[in-house]
Amino acid sequence: MKLEELIAPCPKCGSKDKIAHRKLLDNHRAHAEMDVVKCEECGYLFFVNENMDPDEKKKLLMELNKIHG
C-alpha cells in the first residue's frame, strides 16, 4: 500500500483513521505480513492481501459484515 493511499480519507465516510491487521510470521514477532487495512469508522477495506488463506478471508468478511452490516 502506498503512502498516498494510507493517508487518503475514506471514500465512504471521509475518516482518515485506519486499522491495520497483520499476521506475525515468527515467534520473535519481528516479521509480519499485512492482511487487511480498513477504515476505523465504517469498515471500508482499503487493502486485502491476495495471498490470505480463503478461510481467514471468509472469517474476516463475516466479522466485518456482523459489526458494520
N, C-alpha and C. Protein backbone atom coordinates (compact mmCIF):
# COMPACT_ATOMS: atom_id res chain seq x y z
N MET A 1 0.84 -1.17 0.00
CA MET A 1 0.00 0.00 0.00
C MET A 1 0.89 1.24 0.00
N LYS A 2 0.60 2.16 -0.86
CA LYS A 2 1.39 3.39 -0.98
C LYS A 2 1.02 4.38 0.12
N LEU A 3 1.94 5.28 0.44
CA LEU A 3 1.73 6.28 1.47
C LEU A 3 0.51 7.15 1.15
N GLU A 4 0.35 7.52 -0.11
CA GLU A 4 -0.79 8.35 -0.51
C GLU A 4 -2.12 7.66 -0.18
N GLU A 5 -2.15 6.34 -0.38
CA GLU A 5 -3.37 5.58 -0.08
C GLU A 5 -3.58 5.48 1.43
N LEU A 6 -2.49 5.39 2.17
CA LEU A 6 -2.59 5.25 3.62
C LEU A 6 -3.12 6.51 4.29
N ILE A 7 -2.76 7.67 3.76
CA ILE A 7 -3.21 8.93 4.38
C ILE A 7 -4.47 9.49 3.74
N ALA A 8 -4.96 8.87 2.69
CA ALA A 8 -6.16 9.35 2.00
C ALA A 8 -7.40 9.15 2.87
N PRO A 9 -8.37 10.07 2.78
CA PRO A 9 -9.62 9.88 3.52
C PRO A 9 -10.44 8.73 2.93
N CYS A 10 -11.24 8.14 3.77
CA CYS A 10 -12.11 7.05 3.34
C CYS A 10 -13.13 7.57 2.33
N PRO A 11 -13.30 6.88 1.20
CA PRO A 11 -14.28 7.35 0.22
C PRO A 11 -15.73 7.16 0.68
N LYS A 12 -15.93 6.34 1.69
CA LYS A 12 -17.28 6.06 2.17
C LYS A 12 -17.72 7.06 3.25
N CYS A 13 -16.81 7.35 4.24
CA CYS A 13 -17.23 8.21 5.35
C CYS A 13 -16.34 9.44 5.56
N GLY A 14 -15.17 9.49 4.89
CA GLY A 14 -14.29 10.65 4.99
C GLY A 14 -13.28 10.59 6.13
N SER A 15 -13.34 9.58 6.98
CA SER A 15 -12.41 9.45 8.10
C SER A 15 -11.00 9.13 7.58
N LYS A 16 -9.98 9.60 8.31
CA LYS A 16 -8.60 9.29 7.94
C LYS A 16 -7.99 8.24 8.88
N ASP A 17 -8.77 7.74 9.83
CA ASP A 17 -8.30 6.73 10.78
C ASP A 17 -8.45 5.35 10.18
N LYS A 18 -7.35 4.59 10.23
CA LYS A 18 -7.35 3.25 9.65
C LYS A 18 -6.79 2.25 10.66
N ILE A 19 -7.19 0.99 10.50
CA ILE A 19 -6.69 -0.11 11.32
C ILE A 19 -5.98 -1.08 10.40
N ALA A 20 -4.77 -1.49 10.79
CA ALA A 20 -4.01 -2.46 10.00
C ALA A 20 -3.98 -3.78 10.76
N HIS A 21 -4.42 -4.83 10.10
CA HIS A 21 -4.36 -6.18 10.67
C HIS A 21 -3.14 -6.87 10.07
N ARG A 22 -2.27 -7.39 10.94
CA ARG A 22 -1.06 -8.06 10.48
C ARG A 22 -1.03 -9.48 11.02
N LYS A 23 -0.37 -10.35 10.27
CA LYS A 23 -0.15 -11.73 10.70
C LYS A 23 1.33 -11.87 11.02
N LEU A 24 1.64 -12.19 12.30
CA LEU A 24 3.03 -12.36 12.70
C LEU A 24 3.57 -13.66 12.13
N LEU A 25 4.79 -13.61 11.59
CA LEU A 25 5.35 -14.75 10.87
C LEU A 25 6.36 -15.56 11.66
N ASP A 26 6.77 -15.09 12.84
CA ASP A 26 7.73 -15.88 13.61
C ASP A 26 7.48 -15.70 15.11
N ASN A 27 8.17 -16.48 15.91
CA ASN A 27 7.99 -16.44 17.36
C ASN A 27 8.51 -15.16 17.99
N HIS A 28 9.41 -14.46 17.34
CA HIS A 28 10.01 -13.26 17.90
C HIS A 28 9.23 -12.00 17.56
N ARG A 29 8.16 -12.14 16.79
CA ARG A 29 7.29 -11.02 16.41
C ARG A 29 8.06 -9.92 15.67
N ALA A 30 9.09 -10.33 14.96
CA ALA A 30 9.92 -9.36 14.23
C ALA A 30 9.47 -9.21 12.78
N HIS A 31 8.78 -10.22 12.26
CA HIS A 31 8.34 -10.17 10.87
C HIS A 31 6.82 -10.37 10.82
N ALA A 32 6.18 -9.57 9.99
CA ALA A 32 4.74 -9.67 9.87
C ALA A 32 4.34 -9.47 8.42
N GLU A 33 3.17 -9.98 8.08
CA GLU A 33 2.61 -9.83 6.74
C GLU A 33 1.29 -9.08 6.89
N MET A 34 1.10 -8.05 6.07
CA MET A 34 -0.12 -7.26 6.12
C MET A 34 -1.28 -8.08 5.56
N ASP A 35 -2.36 -8.18 6.33
CA ASP A 35 -3.55 -8.89 5.86
C ASP A 35 -4.61 -7.92 5.34
N VAL A 36 -4.96 -6.93 6.17
CA VAL A 36 -6.06 -6.02 5.81
C VAL A 36 -5.78 -4.63 6.37
N VAL A 37 -6.15 -3.61 5.62
CA VAL A 37 -6.18 -2.23 6.13
C VAL A 37 -7.61 -1.76 5.91
N LYS A 38 -8.25 -1.36 7.02
CA LYS A 38 -9.65 -0.93 6.92
C LYS A 38 -9.89 0.36 7.66
N CYS A 39 -10.95 1.05 7.30
CA CYS A 39 -11.35 2.29 7.95
C CYS A 39 -11.84 1.97 9.36
N GLU A 40 -11.36 2.75 10.33
CA GLU A 40 -11.75 2.52 11.72
C GLU A 40 -13.21 2.88 11.96
N GLU A 41 -13.75 3.82 11.22
CA GLU A 41 -15.12 4.28 11.44
C GLU A 41 -16.17 3.38 10.79
N CYS A 42 -16.02 3.09 9.49
CA CYS A 42 -17.10 2.38 8.78
C CYS A 42 -16.72 0.98 8.30
N GLY A 43 -15.43 0.62 8.39
CA GLY A 43 -15.02 -0.72 7.99
C GLY A 43 -14.69 -0.88 6.51
N TYR A 44 -14.65 0.21 5.76
CA TYR A 44 -14.29 0.16 4.35
C TYR A 44 -12.91 -0.48 4.21
N LEU A 45 -12.75 -1.44 3.30
CA LEU A 45 -11.48 -2.13 3.12
C LEU A 45 -10.63 -1.42 2.08
N PHE A 46 -9.46 -0.94 2.49
CA PHE A 46 -8.51 -0.29 1.59
C PHE A 46 -7.58 -1.30 0.94
N PHE A 47 -7.28 -2.39 1.67
CA PHE A 47 -6.29 -3.36 1.19
C PHE A 47 -6.64 -4.72 1.77
N VAL A 48 -6.61 -5.74 0.93
CA VAL A 48 -6.76 -7.13 1.37
C VAL A 48 -5.65 -7.92 0.70
N ASN A 49 -4.89 -8.65 1.50
CA ASN A 49 -3.79 -9.45 0.98
C ASN A 49 -4.34 -10.54 0.07
N GLU A 50 -3.86 -10.58 -1.15
CA GLU A 50 -4.33 -11.58 -2.12
C GLU A 50 -3.91 -13.00 -1.74
N ASN A 51 -2.86 -13.12 -0.93
CA ASN A 51 -2.37 -14.44 -0.53
C ASN A 51 -2.99 -14.94 0.77
N MET A 52 -3.97 -14.21 1.30
CA MET A 52 -4.60 -14.61 2.55
C MET A 52 -5.33 -15.94 2.37
N ASP A 53 -5.26 -16.78 3.39
CA ASP A 53 -5.95 -18.06 3.39
C ASP A 53 -7.46 -17.82 3.17
N PRO A 54 -8.11 -18.56 2.28
CA PRO A 54 -9.53 -18.34 2.00
C PRO A 54 -10.41 -18.44 3.23
N ASP A 55 -10.08 -19.33 4.16
CA ASP A 55 -10.87 -19.44 5.40
C ASP A 55 -10.73 -18.19 6.27
N GLU A 56 -9.50 -17.65 6.34
CA GLU A 56 -9.28 -16.43 7.10
C GLU A 56 -10.02 -15.26 6.47
N LYS A 57 -9.98 -15.18 5.12
CA LYS A 57 -10.66 -14.11 4.41
C LYS A 57 -12.17 -14.18 4.66
N LYS A 58 -12.74 -15.39 4.61
CA LYS A 58 -14.17 -15.58 4.86
C LYS A 58 -14.52 -15.18 6.29
N LYS A 59 -13.69 -15.58 7.26
CA LYS A 59 -13.93 -15.23 8.66
C LYS A 59 -13.89 -13.71 8.85
N LEU A 60 -12.92 -13.05 8.23
CA LEU A 60 -12.80 -11.60 8.33
C LEU A 60 -14.02 -10.90 7.74
N LEU A 61 -14.45 -11.34 6.55
CA LEU A 61 -15.62 -10.73 5.93
C LEU A 61 -16.88 -10.94 6.76
N MET A 62 -17.02 -12.12 7.37
CA MET A 62 -18.18 -12.37 8.24
C MET A 62 -18.14 -11.44 9.45
N GLU A 63 -16.95 -11.24 10.03
CA GLU A 63 -16.79 -10.35 11.17
C GLU A 63 -17.14 -8.91 10.79
N LEU A 64 -16.65 -8.45 9.64
CA LEU A 64 -16.93 -7.09 9.20
C LEU A 64 -18.42 -6.89 8.92
N ASN A 65 -19.05 -7.89 8.30
CA ASN A 65 -20.48 -7.77 8.00
C ASN A 65 -21.31 -7.75 9.26
N LYS A 66 -20.89 -8.49 10.29
CA LYS A 66 -21.62 -8.53 11.55
C LYS A 66 -21.53 -7.20 12.27
N ILE A 67 -20.33 -6.60 12.28
CA ILE A 67 -20.11 -5.36 13.00
C ILE A 67 -20.67 -4.16 12.25
N HIS A 68 -20.45 -4.13 10.93
CA HIS A 68 -20.76 -2.93 10.15
C HIS A 68 -21.93 -3.13 9.20
N GLY A 69 -22.55 -4.30 9.20
CA GLY A 69 -23.60 -4.57 8.24
C GLY A 69 -24.91 -4.37 8.83
